[in-house]
């Protein structure tokens, strides 16, 4: 529970609760406490974050084209971490 994995797995399994779980348990843990919409937008507009995202998207597009997308763990495998 301390690392947020429990909440992530629960949100993935019970998608109707995703928003509540994310905003109550996960967002603050990974992004800190923001008090306004402006604070949240600032997280998305940092140039280094945008640069990293661009490279990530390019890599995923390449993997999709080559049909070599990363394999993902099953729910049970993730829950055992």
C-alpha atoms as a PDB file:
ATOM      1  CA  UNK A   1       0.000   0.000   0.000  1.00  0.00           C
ATOM      2  CA  UNK A   2       2.832   2.372   0.795  1.00  0.00           C
ATOM      3  CA  UNK A   3       4.199   2.460  -2.755  1.00  0.00           C
ATOM      4  CA  UNK A   4       0.756   2.966  -4.328  1.00  0.00           C
ATOM      5  CA  UNK A   5       0.741  -0.340  -6.203  1.00  0.00           C
ATOM      6  CA  UNK A   6      -2.330  -1.610  -4.360  1.00  0.00           C
ATOM      7  CA  UNK A   7      -4.314   1.480  -5.332  1.00  0.00           C
ATOM      8  CA  UNK A   8      -3.096   1.324  -8.925  1.00  0.00           C
ATOM      9  CA  UNK A   9      -4.107  -2.335  -9.248  1.00  0.00           C
ATOM     10  CA  UNK A  10      -7.485  -1.678  -7.654  1.00  0.00           C
ATOM     11  CA  UNK A  11      -8.112   1.232 -10.021  1.00  0.00           C
ATOM     12  CA  UNK A  12      -7.116  -0.909 -13.002  1.00  0.00           C
ATOM     13  CA  UNK A  13      -9.422  -3.706 -11.921  1.00  0.00           C
ATOM     14  CA  UNK A  14     -12.371  -1.513 -10.915  1.00  0.00           C
ATOM     15  CA  UNK A  15     -12.254   1.172 -13.600  1.00  0.00           C
ATOM     16  CA  UNK A  16     -15.347   2.969 -12.310  1.00  0.00           C
ATOM     17  CA  UNK A  17     -13.327   3.940  -9.235  1.00  0.00           C
ATOM     18  CA  UNK A  18     -10.222   5.072 -11.126  1.00  0.00           C
ATOM     19  CA  UNK A  19     -10.781   8.834 -10.780  1.00  0.00           C
ATOM     20  CA  UNK A  20     -11.460   8.664  -7.054  1.00  0.00           C
ATOM     21  CA  UNK A  21      -8.505   6.381  -6.367  1.00  0.00           C
ATOM     22  CA  UNK A  22      -6.154   8.446  -8.511  1.00  0.00           C
ATOM     23  CA  UNK A  23      -7.035  11.826  -7.023  1.00  0.00           C
ATOM     24  CA  UNK A  24      -7.300  10.636  -3.401  1.00  0.00           C
ATOM     25  CA  UNK A  25      -4.372   8.216  -3.141  1.00  0.00           C
ATOM     26  CA  UNK A  26      -1.990   8.413  -6.091  1.00  0.00           C
ATOM     27  CA  UNK A  27      -1.761  11.981  -7.387  1.00  0.00           C
ATOM     28  CA  UNK A  28      -0.378  13.549  -4.209  1.00  0.00           C
ATOM     29  CA  UNK A  29       2.138  10.738  -3.782  1.00  0.00           C
ATOM     30  CA  UNK A  30       3.722  11.267  -7.194  1.00  0.00           C
ATOM     31  CA  UNK A  31       3.025  14.921  -7.986  1.00  0.00           C
ATOM     32  CA  UNK A  32       2.744  16.587  -4.597  1.00  0.00           C
ATOM     33  CA  UNK A  33      -0.060  18.758  -3.354  1.00  0.00           C
ATOM     34  CA  UNK A  34      -1.366  21.252  -5.899  1.00  0.00           C
ATOM     35  CA  UNK A  35      -4.102  23.599  -4.877  1.00  0.00           C
ATOM     36  CA  UNK A  36      -5.247  25.005  -8.191  1.00  0.00           C
ATOM     37  CA  UNK A  37      -5.766  24.147 -11.824  1.00  0.00           C
ATOM     38  CA  UNK A  38      -2.834  26.437 -12.613  1.00  0.00           C
ATOM     39  CA  UNK A  39      -0.563  24.235 -10.462  1.00  0.00           C
ATOM     40  CA  UNK A  40      -1.704  21.130 -12.335  1.00  0.00           C
ATOM     41  CA  UNK A  41      -1.198  22.737 -15.734  1.00  0.00           C
ATOM     42  CA  UNK A  42       2.312  23.775 -14.719  1.00  0.00           C
ATOM     43  CA  UNK A  43       3.176  20.084 -14.340  1.00  0.00           C
ATOM     44  CA  UNK A  44       2.269  19.506 -17.972  1.00  0.00           C
ATOM     45  CA  UNK A  45       4.057  22.501 -19.417  1.00  0.00           C
ATOM     46  CA  UNK A  46       7.613  21.996 -18.173  1.00  0.00           C
ATOM     47  CA  UNK A  47       9.895  21.775 -21.216  1.00  0.00           C
ATOM     48  CA  UNK A  48      11.976  18.862 -19.928  1.00  0.00           C
ATOM     49  CA  UNK A  49       8.803  16.849 -19.351  1.00  0.00           C
ATOM     50  CA  UNK A  50       7.589  17.620 -22.872  1.00  0.00           C
ATOM     51  CA  UNK A  51      10.972  16.640 -24.328  1.00  0.00           C
ATOM     52  CA  UNK A  52      10.918  13.303 -22.514  1.00  0.00           C
ATOM     53  CA  UNK A  53       7.351  12.633 -23.632  1.00  0.00           C
ATOM     54  CA  UNK A  54       8.230  13.341 -27.275  1.00  0.00           C
ATOM     55  CA  UNK A  55      10.995  10.721 -27.184  1.00  0.00           C
ATOM     56  CA  UNK A  56       8.727   8.224 -25.443  1.00  0.00           C
ATOM     57  CA  UNK A  57       5.991   8.689 -28.054  1.00  0.00           C
ATOM     58  CA  UNK A  58       8.509   8.290 -30.898  1.00  0.00           C
ATOM     59  CA  UNK A  59       9.796   5.048 -29.369  1.00  0.00           C
ATOM     60  CA  UNK A  60       6.267   3.667 -28.930  1.00  0.00           C
ATOM     61  CA  UNK A  61       5.362   4.598 -32.516  1.00  0.00           C
ATOM     62  CA  UNK A  62       8.482   2.776 -33.734  1.00  0.00           C
ATOM     63  CA  UNK A  63       7.636  -0.279 -31.610  1.00  0.00           C
ATOM     64  CA  UNK A  64       4.069  -0.300 -32.955  1.00  0.00           C
ATOM     65  CA  UNK A  65       5.310  -0.107 -36.540  1.00  0.00           C
ATOM     66  CA  UNK A  66       7.786  -2.951 -35.961  1.00  0.00           C
ATOM     67  CA  UNK A  67       5.211  -4.893 -33.900  1.00  0.00           C
ATOM     68  CA  UNK A  68       7.649  -5.084 -30.977  1.00  0.00           C
ATOM     69  CA  UNK A  69       5.650  -3.414 -28.211  1.00  0.00           C
ATOM     70  CA  UNK A  70       6.829  -4.227 -24.711  1.00  0.00           C
ATOM     71  CA  UNK A  71       5.165  -7.176 -23.070  1.00  0.00           C
ATOM     72  CA  UNK A  72       3.277  -6.317 -19.910  1.00  0.00           C
ATOM     73  CA  UNK A  73       2.817  -8.229 -16.720  1.00  0.00           C
ATOM     74  CA  UNK A  74      -0.509  -9.808 -15.888  1.00  0.00           C
ATOM     75  CA  UNK A  75      -2.534  -8.342 -13.042  1.00  0.00           C
ATOM     76  CA  UNK A  76      -1.411 -11.159 -10.739  1.00  0.00           C
ATOM     77  CA  UNK A  77       2.263 -10.655 -11.667  1.00  0.00           C
ATOM     78  CA  UNK A  78       2.012  -6.927 -10.963  1.00  0.00           C
ATOM     79  CA  UNK A  79       0.203  -7.522  -7.689  1.00  0.00           C
ATOM     80  CA  UNK A  80       3.028  -9.841  -6.545  1.00  0.00           C
ATOM     81  CA  UNK A  81       5.658  -7.068  -6.945  1.00  0.00           C
END
